[in-house]
């Protein structure tokens, strides 16, 4: 797992190398201006400057901030892919912010990043590449990020060709294969229809407009399994998904703490789908 210093080193690279010369520069200036004591004093001042700058830079490029910025800027880019951001897409972005329980400052940042993603000169690769390198060994967090973007694309009920192209570009930058993306897309579409069928009532509720067969089909889709698979295979898939979306594990691997609620909701959705499948197979 990459630690925070490794991520920061990648994100700011040469900039940090320049700041580390602060001690030397300060010492040299001090030497010329005040002899040996100037040398010592200059070195101390240079060190203080280094620490102050490093603290500022590491905060700006922390793993959590990289993920946070990418989440909302790419979300804005996906929403704008068709040329106009719909009310459903705006509502989804606001809903994510609300579920994250962001304070005013963080909400302003999220809106700023979302708007940056909408701009014509938005550089998708410049935003996603640092995140990809950060998450190169954290498949579960990577999947969580892609899931959020797919949910944004599905906010208005369907994924357009332009939105799909953006998602494909994101997946390519994050080294996710076309097959992995297709499987994830199928699960997210099943999740959306399953949630719509169970809207307003949790795991035991079913909309009067949704048939048992449709609910069960979507439940299988959420788990990424098929009816012809054994109980053991389905249970294994369920456990894998629950482990991948475990909130504490995701936060430990770089997911911003504010997004823990999203991860919890995801595990609840997976649990509801598994309960539906188990109930049907026992009948």
C-alpha atoms as a PDB file:
ATOM      1  CA  UNK A   1       0.000   0.000   0.000  1.00  0.00           C
ATOM      2  CA  UNK A   2       1.295   3.439  -0.869  1.00  0.00           C
ATOM      3  CA  UNK A   3       1.637   5.682   2.148  1.00  0.00           C
ATOM      4  CA  UNK A   4       0.836   9.357   2.264  1.00  0.00           C
ATOM      5  CA  UNK A   5       4.412  10.500   1.674  1.00  0.00           C
ATOM      6  CA  UNK A   6       4.670   8.378  -1.476  1.00  0.00           C
ATOM      7  CA  UNK A   7       1.496   9.872  -2.885  1.00  0.00           C
ATOM      8  CA  UNK A   8       2.613  13.378  -2.020  1.00  0.00           C
ATOM      9  CA  UNK A   9       5.979  12.736  -3.605  1.00  0.00           C
ATOM     10  CA  UNK A  10       4.290  11.711  -6.838  1.00  0.00           C
ATOM     11  CA  UNK A  11       1.825  14.575  -6.843  1.00  0.00           C
ATOM     12  CA  UNK A  12       4.262  17.387  -6.272  1.00  0.00           C
ATOM     13  CA  UNK A  13       7.481  15.773  -7.466  1.00  0.00           C
ATOM     14  CA  UNK A  14       9.947  18.389  -8.532  1.00  0.00           C
ATOM     15  CA  UNK A  15       8.227  21.085  -6.520  1.00  0.00           C
ATOM     16  CA  UNK A  16       9.104  19.417  -3.236  1.00  0.00           C
ATOM     17  CA  UNK A  17      12.679  18.901  -4.373  1.00  0.00           C
ATOM     18  CA  UNK A  18      12.974  22.638  -4.853  1.00  0.00           C
ATOM     19  CA  UNK A  19      11.511  23.361  -1.423  1.00  0.00           C
ATOM     20  CA  UNK A  20      13.966  20.979   0.234  1.00  0.00           C
ATOM     21  CA  UNK A  21      16.759  23.244  -0.871  1.00  0.00           C
ATOM     22  CA  UNK A  22      15.407  25.896   1.487  1.00  0.00           C
ATOM     23  CA  UNK A  23      17.827  24.935   4.248  1.00  0.00           C
ATOM     24  CA  UNK A  24      20.827  25.166   1.940  1.00  0.00           C
ATOM     25  CA  UNK A  25      19.732  28.460   0.414  1.00  0.00           C
ATOM     26  CA  UNK A  26      18.982  29.934   3.824  1.00  0.00           C
ATOM     27  CA  UNK A  27      22.339  28.800   5.138  1.00  0.00           C
ATOM     28  CA  UNK A  28      24.273  30.251   2.211  1.00  0.00           C
ATOM     29  CA  UNK A  29      22.517  33.596   2.508  1.00  0.00           C
ATOM     30  CA  UNK A  30      23.144  33.580   6.237  1.00  0.00           C
ATOM     31  CA  UNK A  31      26.825  32.772   5.751  1.00  0.00           C
ATOM     32  CA  UNK A  32      27.385  35.695   3.431  1.00  0.00           C
ATOM     33  CA  UNK A  33      25.431  38.088   5.602  1.00  0.00           C
ATOM     34  CA  UNK A  34      26.534  37.058   9.063  1.00  0.00           C
ATOM     35  CA  UNK A  35      29.395  34.576   9.116  1.00  0.00           C
ATOM     36  CA  UNK A  36      29.095  31.309  11.009  1.00  0.00           C
ATOM     37  CA  UNK A  37      26.147  32.454  13.140  1.00  0.00           C
ATOM     38  CA  UNK A  38      24.432  33.714  10.027  1.00  0.00           C
ATOM     39  CA  UNK A  39      24.987  30.255   8.576  1.00  0.00           C
ATOM     40  CA  UNK A  40      23.239  28.627  11.541  1.00  0.00           C
ATOM     41  CA  UNK A  41      20.426  31.168  11.621  1.00  0.00           C
ATOM     42  CA  UNK A  42      19.876  30.966   7.878  1.00  0.00           C
ATOM     43  CA  UNK A  43      19.725  27.179   8.035  1.00  0.00           C
ATOM     44  CA  UNK A  44      17.109  27.296  10.793  1.00  0.00           C
ATOM     45  CA  UNK A  45      14.965  29.781   8.864  1.00  0.00           C
ATOM     46  CA  UNK A  46      15.275  27.690   5.718  1.00  0.00           C
ATOM     47  CA  UNK A  47      14.180  24.607   7.654  1.00  0.00           C
ATOM     48  CA  UNK A  48      11.137  26.406   9.021  1.00  0.00           C
ATOM     49  CA  UNK A  49      10.183  27.494   5.517  1.00  0.00           C
ATOM     50  CA  UNK A  50      10.569  23.932   4.297  1.00  0.00           C
ATOM     51  CA  UNK A  51       8.308  22.540   7.007  1.00  0.00           C
ATOM     52  CA  UNK A  52       5.660  25.186   6.422  1.00  0.00           C
ATOM     53  CA  UNK A  53       5.610  24.634   2.673  1.00  0.00           C
ATOM     54  CA  UNK A  54       5.701  20.845   2.999  1.00  0.00           C
ATOM     55  CA  UNK A  55       2.716  20.927   5.348  1.00  0.00           C
ATOM     56  CA  UNK A  56       0.771  23.067   2.895  1.00  0.00           C
ATOM     57  CA  UNK A  57       1.649  20.889  -0.078  1.00  0.00           C
ATOM     58  CA  UNK A  58       0.998  17.567   1.678  1.00  0.00           C
ATOM     59  CA  UNK A  59      -2.464  18.780   2.698  1.00  0.00           C
ATOM     60  CA  UNK A  60      -3.290  19.865  -0.828  1.00  0.00           C
ATOM     61  CA  UNK A  61      -2.125  16.588  -2.320  1.00  0.00           C
ATOM     62  CA  UNK A  62      -3.130  14.163   0.433  1.00  0.00           C
ATOM     63  CA  UNK A  63      -4.684  10.860  -0.716  1.00  0.00           C
ATOM     64  CA  UNK A  64      -8.077  11.948   0.587  1.00  0.00           C
ATOM     65  CA  UNK A  65      -7.939  15.281  -1.270  1.00  0.00           C
ATOM     66  CA  UNK A  66      -6.864  13.601  -4.509  1.00  0.00           C
ATOM     67  CA  UNK A  67      -9.850  11.228  -4.236  1.00  0.00           C
ATOM     68  CA  UNK A  68     -12.233  14.005  -3.186  1.00  0.00           C
ATOM     69  CA  UNK A  69     -11.260  16.292  -6.058  1.00  0.00           C
ATOM     70  CA  UNK A  70     -11.369  13.512  -8.639  1.00  0.00           C
ATOM     71  CA  UNK A  71     -14.778  12.330  -7.432  1.00  0.00           C
ATOM     72  CA  UNK A  72     -16.548  15.637  -7.972  1.00  0.00           C
ATOM     73  CA  UNK A  73     -14.603  16.987 -10.947  1.00  0.00           C
ATOM     74  CA  UNK A  74     -15.040  13.759 -12.923  1.00  0.00           C
ATOM     75  CA  UNK A  75     -18.691  13.698 -11.842  1.00  0.00           C
ATOM     76  CA  UNK A  76     -19.083  17.173 -13.342  1.00  0.00           C
ATOM     77  CA  UNK A  77     -17.311  16.044 -16.511  1.00  0.00           C
ATOM     78  CA  UNK A  78     -19.622  13.036 -16.862  1.00  0.00           C
ATOM     79  CA  UNK A  79     -22.686  15.225 -16.305  1.00  0.00           C
ATOM     80  CA  UNK A  80     -21.554  17.700 -18.960  1.00  0.00           C
ATOM     81  CA  UNK A  81     -20.694  14.998 -21.521  1.00  0.00           C
ATOM     82  CA  UNK A  82     -24.010  15.476 -23.345  1.00  0.00           C
ATOM     83  CA  UNK A  83     -23.554  19.231 -23.516  1.00  0.00           C
ATOM     84  CA  UNK A  84     -26.042  20.102 -20.783  1.00  0.00           C
ATOM     85  CA  UNK A  85     -26.178  19.138 -17.128  1.00  0.00           C
ATOM     86  CA  UNK A  86     -29.661  17.863 -16.272  1.00  0.00           C
ATOM     87  CA  UNK A  87     -31.572  18.545 -13.074  1.00  0.00           C
ATOM     88  CA  UNK A  88     -31.292  14.859 -12.170  1.00  0.00           C
ATOM     89  CA  UNK A  89     -27.498  15.022 -12.436  1.00  0.00           C
ATOM     90  CA  UNK A  90     -27.340  18.164 -10.302  1.00  0.00           C
ATOM     91  CA  UNK A  91     -29.669  16.524  -7.788  1.00  0.00           C
ATOM     92  CA  UNK A  92     -27.421  13.463  -7.658  1.00  0.00           C
ATOM     93  CA  UNK A  93     -24.305  15.572  -6.994  1.00  0.00           C
ATOM     94  CA  UNK A  94     -26.095  17.480  -4.239  1.00  0.00           C
ATOM     95  CA  UNK A  95     -27.388  14.224  -2.795  1.00  0.00           C
ATOM     96  CA  UNK A  96     -23.855  12.822  -2.618  1.00  0.00           C
ATOM     97  CA  UNK A  97     -22.679  15.980  -0.842  1.00  0.00           C
ATOM     98  CA  UNK A  98     -25.582  15.746   1.609  1.00  0.00           C
ATOM     99  CA  UNK A  99     -24.958  12.062   2.321  1.00  0.00           C
ATOM    100  CA  UNK A 100     -21.312  12.892   2.978  1.00  0.00           C
ATOM    101  CA  UNK A 101     -22.464  15.473   5.554  1.00  0.00           C
ATOM    102  CA  UNK A 102     -19.967  18.043   4.249  1.00  0.00           C
ATOM    103  CA  UNK A 103     -19.439  21.270   6.148  1.00  0.00           C
ATOM    104  CA  UNK A 104     -19.816  24.565   4.267  1.00  0.00           C
ATOM    105  CA  UNK A 105     -16.154  24.786   3.301  1.00  0.00           C
ATOM    106  CA  UNK A 106     -15.985  21.236   1.971  1.00  0.00           C
ATOM    107  CA  UNK A 107     -19.270  21.704   0.136  1.00  0.00           C
ATOM    108  CA  UNK A 108     -17.892  24.806  -1.588  1.00  0.00           C
ATOM    109  CA  UNK A 109     -14.843  22.785  -2.609  1.00  0.00           C
ATOM    110  CA  UNK A 110     -17.025  19.986  -3.978  1.00  0.00           C
ATOM    111  CA  UNK A 111     -19.090  22.463  -6.013  1.00  0.00           C
ATOM    112  CA  UNK A 112     -15.911  24.125  -7.280  1.00  0.00           C
ATOM    113  CA  UNK A 113     -14.483  20.777  -8.398  1.00  0.00           C
ATOM    114  CA  UNK A 114     -17.803  19.808 -10.023  1.00  0.00           C
ATOM    115  CA  UNK A 115     -17.813  23.068 -11.983  1.00  0.00           C
ATOM    116  CA  UNK A 116     -14.182  22.571 -13.001  1.00  0.00           C
ATOM    117  CA  UNK A 117     -15.155  19.212 -14.468  1.00  0.00           C
ATOM    118  CA  UNK A 118     -17.868  20.911 -16.525  1.00  0.00           C
ATOM    119  CA  UNK A 119     -15.438  23.320 -18.188  1.00  0.00           C
ATOM    120  CA  UNK A 120     -14.432  22.732 -21.809  1.00  0.00           C
ATOM    121  CA  UNK A 121     -10.716  22.764 -21.000  1.00  0.00           C
ATOM    122  CA  UNK A 122     -10.998  20.172 -18.214  1.00  0.00           C
ATOM    123  CA  UNK A 123      -8.023  17.794 -18.335  1.00  0.00           C
ATOM    124  CA  UNK A 124      -9.430  14.397 -17.403  1.00  0.00           C
ATOM    125  CA  UNK A 125      -6.073  12.635 -17.498  1.00  0.00           C
ATOM    126  CA  UNK A 126      -4.432  15.220 -15.225  1.00  0.00           C
ATOM    127  CA  UNK A 127      -7.036  14.528 -12.539  1.00  0.00           C
ATOM    128  CA  UNK A 128      -7.478  10.771 -12.903  1.00  0.00           C
ATOM    129  CA  UNK A 129      -3.831   9.740 -13.392  1.00  0.00           C
ATOM    130  CA  UNK A 130      -2.699  10.742  -9.858  1.00  0.00           C
ATOM    131  CA  UNK A 131      -5.702   8.878  -8.450  1.00  0.00           C
ATOM    132  CA  UNK A 132      -4.897   5.846 -10.582  1.00  0.00           C
ATOM    133  CA  UNK A 133      -1.350   5.721  -9.256  1.00  0.00           C
ATOM    134  CA  UNK A 134      -2.598   6.242  -5.724  1.00  0.00           C
ATOM    135  CA  UNK A 135      -5.016   3.327  -6.069  1.00  0.00           C
ATOM    136  CA  UNK A 136      -2.931   0.985  -8.201  1.00  0.00           C
ATOM    137  CA  UNK A 137      -2.910  -1.569  -5.365  1.00  0.00           C
ATOM    138  CA  UNK A 138      -6.299  -0.642  -3.946  1.00  0.00           C
ATOM    139  CA  UNK A 139      -8.790  -2.296  -6.284  1.00  0.00           C
ATOM    140  CA  UNK A 140     -11.715  -1.914  -3.866  1.00  0.00           C
ATOM    141  CA  UNK A 141     -11.356   1.871  -3.600  1.00  0.00           C
ATOM    142  CA  UNK A 142     -10.868   2.105  -7.368  1.00  0.00           C
ATOM    143  CA  UNK A 143     -14.132   0.218  -7.885  1.00  0.00           C
ATOM    144  CA  UNK A 144     -15.894   2.512  -5.419  1.00  0.00           C
ATOM    145  CA  UNK A 145     -14.737   5.542  -7.420  1.00  0.00           C
ATOM    146  CA  UNK A 146     -15.950   4.087 -10.724  1.00  0.00           C
ATOM    147  CA  UNK A 147     -19.268   3.100  -9.129  1.00  0.00           C
ATOM    148  CA  UNK A 148     -19.881   6.699  -8.071  1.00  0.00           C
ATOM    149  CA  UNK A 149     -19.217   7.916 -11.613  1.00  0.00           C
ATOM    150  CA  UNK A 150     -21.518   5.262 -13.076  1.00  0.00           C
ATOM    151  CA  UNK A 151     -24.231   6.321 -10.636  1.00  0.00           C
ATOM    152  CA  UNK A 152     -23.758   9.900 -11.842  1.00  0.00           C
ATOM    153  CA  UNK A 153     -24.123   8.745 -15.449  1.00  0.00           C
ATOM    154  CA  UNK A 154     -27.270   6.783 -14.527  1.00  0.00           C
ATOM    155  CA  UNK A 155     -28.771   9.711 -12.600  1.00  0.00           C
ATOM    156  CA  UNK A 156     -31.110  10.625 -15.460  1.00  0.00           C
ATOM    157  CA  UNK A 157     -32.123   7.015 -16.077  1.00  0.00           C
ATOM    158  CA  UNK A 158     -29.693   5.945 -18.776  1.00  0.00           C
ATOM    159  CA  UNK A 159     -26.057   6.173 -19.811  1.00  0.00           C
ATOM    160  CA  UNK A 160     -25.648   8.090 -23.063  1.00  0.00           C
ATOM    161  CA  UNK A 161     -22.959   7.307 -25.616  1.00  0.00           C
ATOM    162  CA  UNK A 162     -20.992  10.428 -24.656  1.00  0.00           C
ATOM    163  CA  UNK A 163     -21.180   9.571 -20.966  1.00  0.00           C
ATOM    164  CA  UNK A 164     -20.107   6.029 -21.743  1.00  0.00           C
ATOM    165  CA  UNK A 165     -17.061   7.323 -23.614  1.00  0.00           C
ATOM    166  CA  UNK A 166     -16.036   9.411 -20.600  1.00  0.00           C
ATOM    167  CA  UNK A 167     -16.457   6.431 -18.268  1.00  0.00           C
ATOM    168  CA  UNK A 168     -14.441   4.281 -20.665  1.00  0.00           C
ATOM    169  CA  UNK A 169     -11.659   6.883 -20.661  1.00  0.00           C
ATOM    170  CA  UNK A 170     -11.674   6.973 -16.861  1.00  0.00           C
ATOM    171  CA  UNK A 171     -11.505   3.175 -16.678  1.00  0.00           C
ATOM    172  CA  UNK A 172      -8.631   3.097 -19.171  1.00  0.00           C
ATOM    173  CA  UNK A 173      -6.710   5.688 -17.146  1.00  0.00           C
ATOM    174  CA  UNK A 174      -7.318   3.613 -14.032  1.00  0.00           C
ATOM    175  CA  UNK A 175      -6.170   0.438 -15.800  1.00  0.00           C
ATOM    176  CA  UNK A 176      -9.541  -1.256 -15.616  1.00  0.00           C
ATOM    177  CA  UNK A 177     -10.242  -3.628 -18.495  1.00  0.00           C
ATOM    178  CA  UNK A 178     -13.264  -3.343 -20.772  1.00  0.00           C
ATOM    179  CA  UNK A 179     -14.528  -6.647 -19.378  1.00  0.00           C
ATOM    180  CA  UNK A 180     -14.264  -5.393 -15.785  1.00  0.00           C
ATOM    181  CA  UNK A 181     -16.053  -2.199 -16.735  1.00  0.00           C
ATOM    182  CA  UNK A 182     -18.878  -4.084 -18.474  1.00  0.00           C
ATOM    183  CA  UNK A 183     -19.379  -6.303 -15.426  1.00  0.00           C
ATOM    184  CA  UNK A 184     -19.421  -3.275 -13.139  1.00  0.00           C
ATOM    185  CA  UNK A 185     -21.833  -1.449 -15.429  1.00  0.00           C
ATOM    186  CA  UNK A 186     -24.205  -4.435 -15.390  1.00  0.00           C
ATOM    187  CA  UNK A 187     -24.109  -4.562 -11.585  1.00  0.00           C
ATOM    188  CA  UNK A 188     -24.772  -0.820 -11.277  1.00  0.00           C
ATOM    189  CA  UNK A 189     -27.716  -0.952 -13.691  1.00  0.00           C
ATOM    190  CA  UNK A 190     -29.154  -3.889 -11.758  1.00  0.00           C
ATOM    191  CA  UNK A 191     -28.572  -1.974  -8.527  1.00  0.00           C
ATOM    192  CA  UNK A 192     -30.477   1.018  -9.851  1.00  0.00           C
ATOM    193  CA  UNK A 193     -33.546  -0.964 -10.882  1.00  0.00           C
ATOM    194  CA  UNK A 194     -33.408  -3.065  -7.710  1.00  0.00           C
ATOM    195  CA  UNK A 195     -33.378   0.101  -5.592  1.00  0.00           C
ATOM    196  CA  UNK A 196     -36.265   1.547  -7.586  1.00  0.00           C
ATOM    197  CA  UNK A 197     -38.268  -1.617  -7.000  1.00  0.00           C
ATOM    198  CA  UNK A 198     -37.561  -1.506  -3.269  1.00  0.00           C
ATOM    199  CA  UNK A 199     -37.861   2.283  -3.001  1.00  0.00           C
ATOM    200  CA  UNK A 200     -39.183   3.463   0.317  1.00  0.00           C
ATOM    201  CA  UNK A 201     -39.163   0.230   2.229  1.00  0.00           C
ATOM    202  CA  UNK A 202     -35.732  -1.296   2.583  1.00  0.00           C
ATOM    203  CA  UNK A 203     -34.854  -4.954   2.142  1.00  0.00           C
ATOM    204  CA  UNK A 204     -38.335  -6.313   2.831  1.00  0.00           C
ATOM    205  CA  UNK A 205     -40.266  -3.827   0.722  1.00  0.00           C
ATOM    206  CA  UNK A 206     -41.353  -4.210  -2.894  1.00  0.00           C
ATOM    207  CA  UNK A 207     -43.015  -1.655  -5.116  1.00  0.00           C
ATOM    208  CA  UNK A 208     -46.481  -2.757  -6.299  1.00  0.00           C
ATOM    209  CA  UNK A 209     -45.307  -1.932  -9.830  1.00  0.00           C
ATOM    210  CA  UNK A 210     -42.375  -4.378  -9.699  1.00  0.00           C
ATOM    211  CA  UNK A 211     -42.819  -8.133 -10.117  1.00  0.00           C
ATOM    212  CA  UNK A 212     -41.133 -10.736  -7.941  1.00  0.00           C
ATOM    213  CA  UNK A 213     -39.319 -12.060 -11.000  1.00  0.00           C
ATOM    214  CA  UNK A 214     -37.905  -8.642 -11.872  1.00  0.00           C
ATOM    215  CA  UNK A 215     -36.792  -7.991  -8.295  1.00  0.00           C
ATOM    216  CA  UNK A 216     -35.084 -11.362  -8.129  1.00  0.00           C
ATOM    217  CA  UNK A 217     -33.387 -10.863 -11.497  1.00  0.00           C
ATOM    218  CA  UNK A 218     -32.021  -7.505 -10.349  1.00  0.00           C
ATOM    219  CA  UNK A 219     -30.909  -8.982  -7.023  1.00  0.00           C
ATOM    220  CA  UNK A 220     -28.829 -11.571  -8.871  1.00  0.00           C
ATOM    221  CA  UNK A 221     -27.432  -8.761 -11.014  1.00  0.00           C
ATOM    222  CA  UNK A 222     -26.426  -6.699  -7.985  1.00  0.00           C
ATOM    223  CA  UNK A 223     -24.365  -9.634  -6.747  1.00  0.00           C
ATOM    224  CA  UNK A 224     -22.910 -10.265 -10.194  1.00  0.00           C
ATOM    225  CA  UNK A 225     -24.152 -13.862 -10.187  1.00  0.00           C
ATOM    226  CA  UNK A 226     -26.656 -15.967 -12.130  1.00  0.00           C
ATOM    227  CA  UNK A 227     -29.488 -18.270 -10.978  1.00  0.00           C
ATOM    228  CA  UNK A 228     -27.683 -21.376 -12.218  1.00  0.00           C
ATOM    229  CA  UNK A 229     -24.800 -20.844  -9.786  1.00  0.00           C
ATOM    230  CA  UNK A 230     -24.630 -22.861  -6.567  1.00  0.00           C
ATOM    231  CA  UNK A 231     -25.483 -21.453  -3.147  1.00  0.00           C
ATOM    232  CA  UNK A 232     -21.804 -21.660  -2.223  1.00  0.00           C
ATOM    233  CA  UNK A 233     -20.756 -19.667  -5.300  1.00  0.00           C
ATOM    234  CA  UNK A 234     -23.367 -17.000  -4.640  1.00  0.00           C
ATOM    235  CA  UNK A 235     -22.365 -16.742  -0.994  1.00  0.00           C
ATOM    236  CA  UNK A 236     -18.727 -16.363  -2.030  1.00  0.00           C
ATOM    237  CA  UNK A 237     -19.618 -13.535  -4.433  1.00  0.00           C
ATOM    238  CA  UNK A 238     -21.694 -11.851  -1.723  1.00  0.00           C
ATOM    239  CA  UNK A 239     -18.872 -12.038   0.816  1.00  0.00           C
ATOM    240  CA  UNK A 240     -16.385 -10.687  -1.710  1.00  0.00           C
ATOM    241  CA  UNK A 241     -18.594  -7.669  -2.434  1.00  0.00           C
ATOM    242  CA  UNK A 242     -19.186  -7.028   1.273  1.00  0.00           C
ATOM    243  CA  UNK A 243     -15.452  -7.148   1.911  1.00  0.00           C
ATOM    244  CA  UNK A 244     -14.720  -4.828  -1.023  1.00  0.00           C
ATOM    245  CA  UNK A 245     -17.205  -2.255   0.240  1.00  0.00           C
ATOM    246  CA  UNK A 246     -16.452  -2.521   3.965  1.00  0.00           C
ATOM    247  CA  UNK A 247     -16.392   1.151   5.089  1.00  0.00           C
ATOM    248  CA  UNK A 248     -13.499   0.872   7.547  1.00  0.00           C
ATOM    249  CA  UNK A 249     -11.354  -1.022   5.047  1.00  0.00           C
ATOM    250  CA  UNK A 250     -12.046   1.532   2.323  1.00  0.00           C
ATOM    251  CA  UNK A 251     -11.180   4.499   4.542  1.00  0.00           C
ATOM    252  CA  UNK A 252      -7.959   2.779   5.618  1.00  0.00           C
ATOM    253  CA  UNK A 253      -7.073   2.387   1.932  1.00  0.00           C
ATOM    254  CA  UNK A 254      -7.601   6.044   1.033  1.00  0.00           C
ATOM    255  CA  UNK A 255     -11.343   6.680   0.837  1.00  0.00           C
ATOM    256  CA  UNK A 256     -12.136  10.085   2.408  1.00  0.00           C
ATOM    257  CA  UNK A 257     -13.852   9.566   5.793  1.00  0.00           C
ATOM    258  CA  UNK A 258     -16.768  11.702   4.586  1.00  0.00           C
ATOM    259  CA  UNK A 259     -17.578   8.979   2.070  1.00  0.00           C
ATOM    260  CA  UNK A 260     -17.940   6.268   4.704  1.00  0.00           C
ATOM    261  CA  UNK A 261     -21.721   6.699   4.653  1.00  0.00           C
ATOM    262  CA  UNK A 262     -21.777   5.977   0.910  1.00  0.00           C
ATOM    263  CA  UNK A 263     -19.842   2.774   1.538  1.00  0.00           C
ATOM    264  CA  UNK A 264     -22.246   1.782   4.328  1.00  0.00           C
ATOM    265  CA  UNK A 265     -25.214   2.338   2.035  1.00  0.00           C
ATOM    266  CA  UNK A 266     -23.549   0.169  -0.585  1.00  0.00           C
ATOM    267  CA  UNK A 267     -23.146  -2.722   1.858  1.00  0.00           C
ATOM    268  CA  UNK A 268     -26.813  -2.357   2.829  1.00  0.00           C
ATOM    269  CA  UNK A 269     -27.816  -2.601  -0.840  1.00  0.00           C
ATOM    270  CA  UNK A 270     -25.665  -5.707  -1.306  1.00  0.00           C
ATOM    271  CA  UNK A 271     -27.149  -7.242   1.839  1.00  0.00           C
ATOM    272  CA  UNK A 272     -30.694  -6.535   0.646  1.00  0.00           C
ATOM    273  CA  UNK A 273     -29.980  -8.200  -2.699  1.00  0.00           C
ATOM    274  CA  UNK A 274     -28.448 -11.242  -1.027  1.00  0.00           C
ATOM    275  CA  UNK A 275     -31.395 -11.563   1.346  1.00  0.00           C
ATOM    276  CA  UNK A 276     -33.762 -11.491  -1.627  1.00  0.00           C
ATOM    277  CA  UNK A 277     -31.799 -14.225  -3.428  1.00  0.00           C
ATOM    278  CA  UNK A 278     -31.546 -16.414  -0.308  1.00  0.00           C
ATOM    279  CA  UNK A 279     -35.249 -16.105   0.357  1.00  0.00           C
ATOM    280  CA  UNK A 280     -36.138 -17.084  -3.200  1.00  0.00           C
ATOM    281  CA  UNK A 281     -33.802 -20.084  -3.251  1.00  0.00           C
ATOM    282  CA  UNK A 282     -35.242 -21.430   0.013  1.00  0.00           C
ATOM    283  CA  UNK A 283     -38.801 -21.254  -1.263  1.00  0.00           C
END
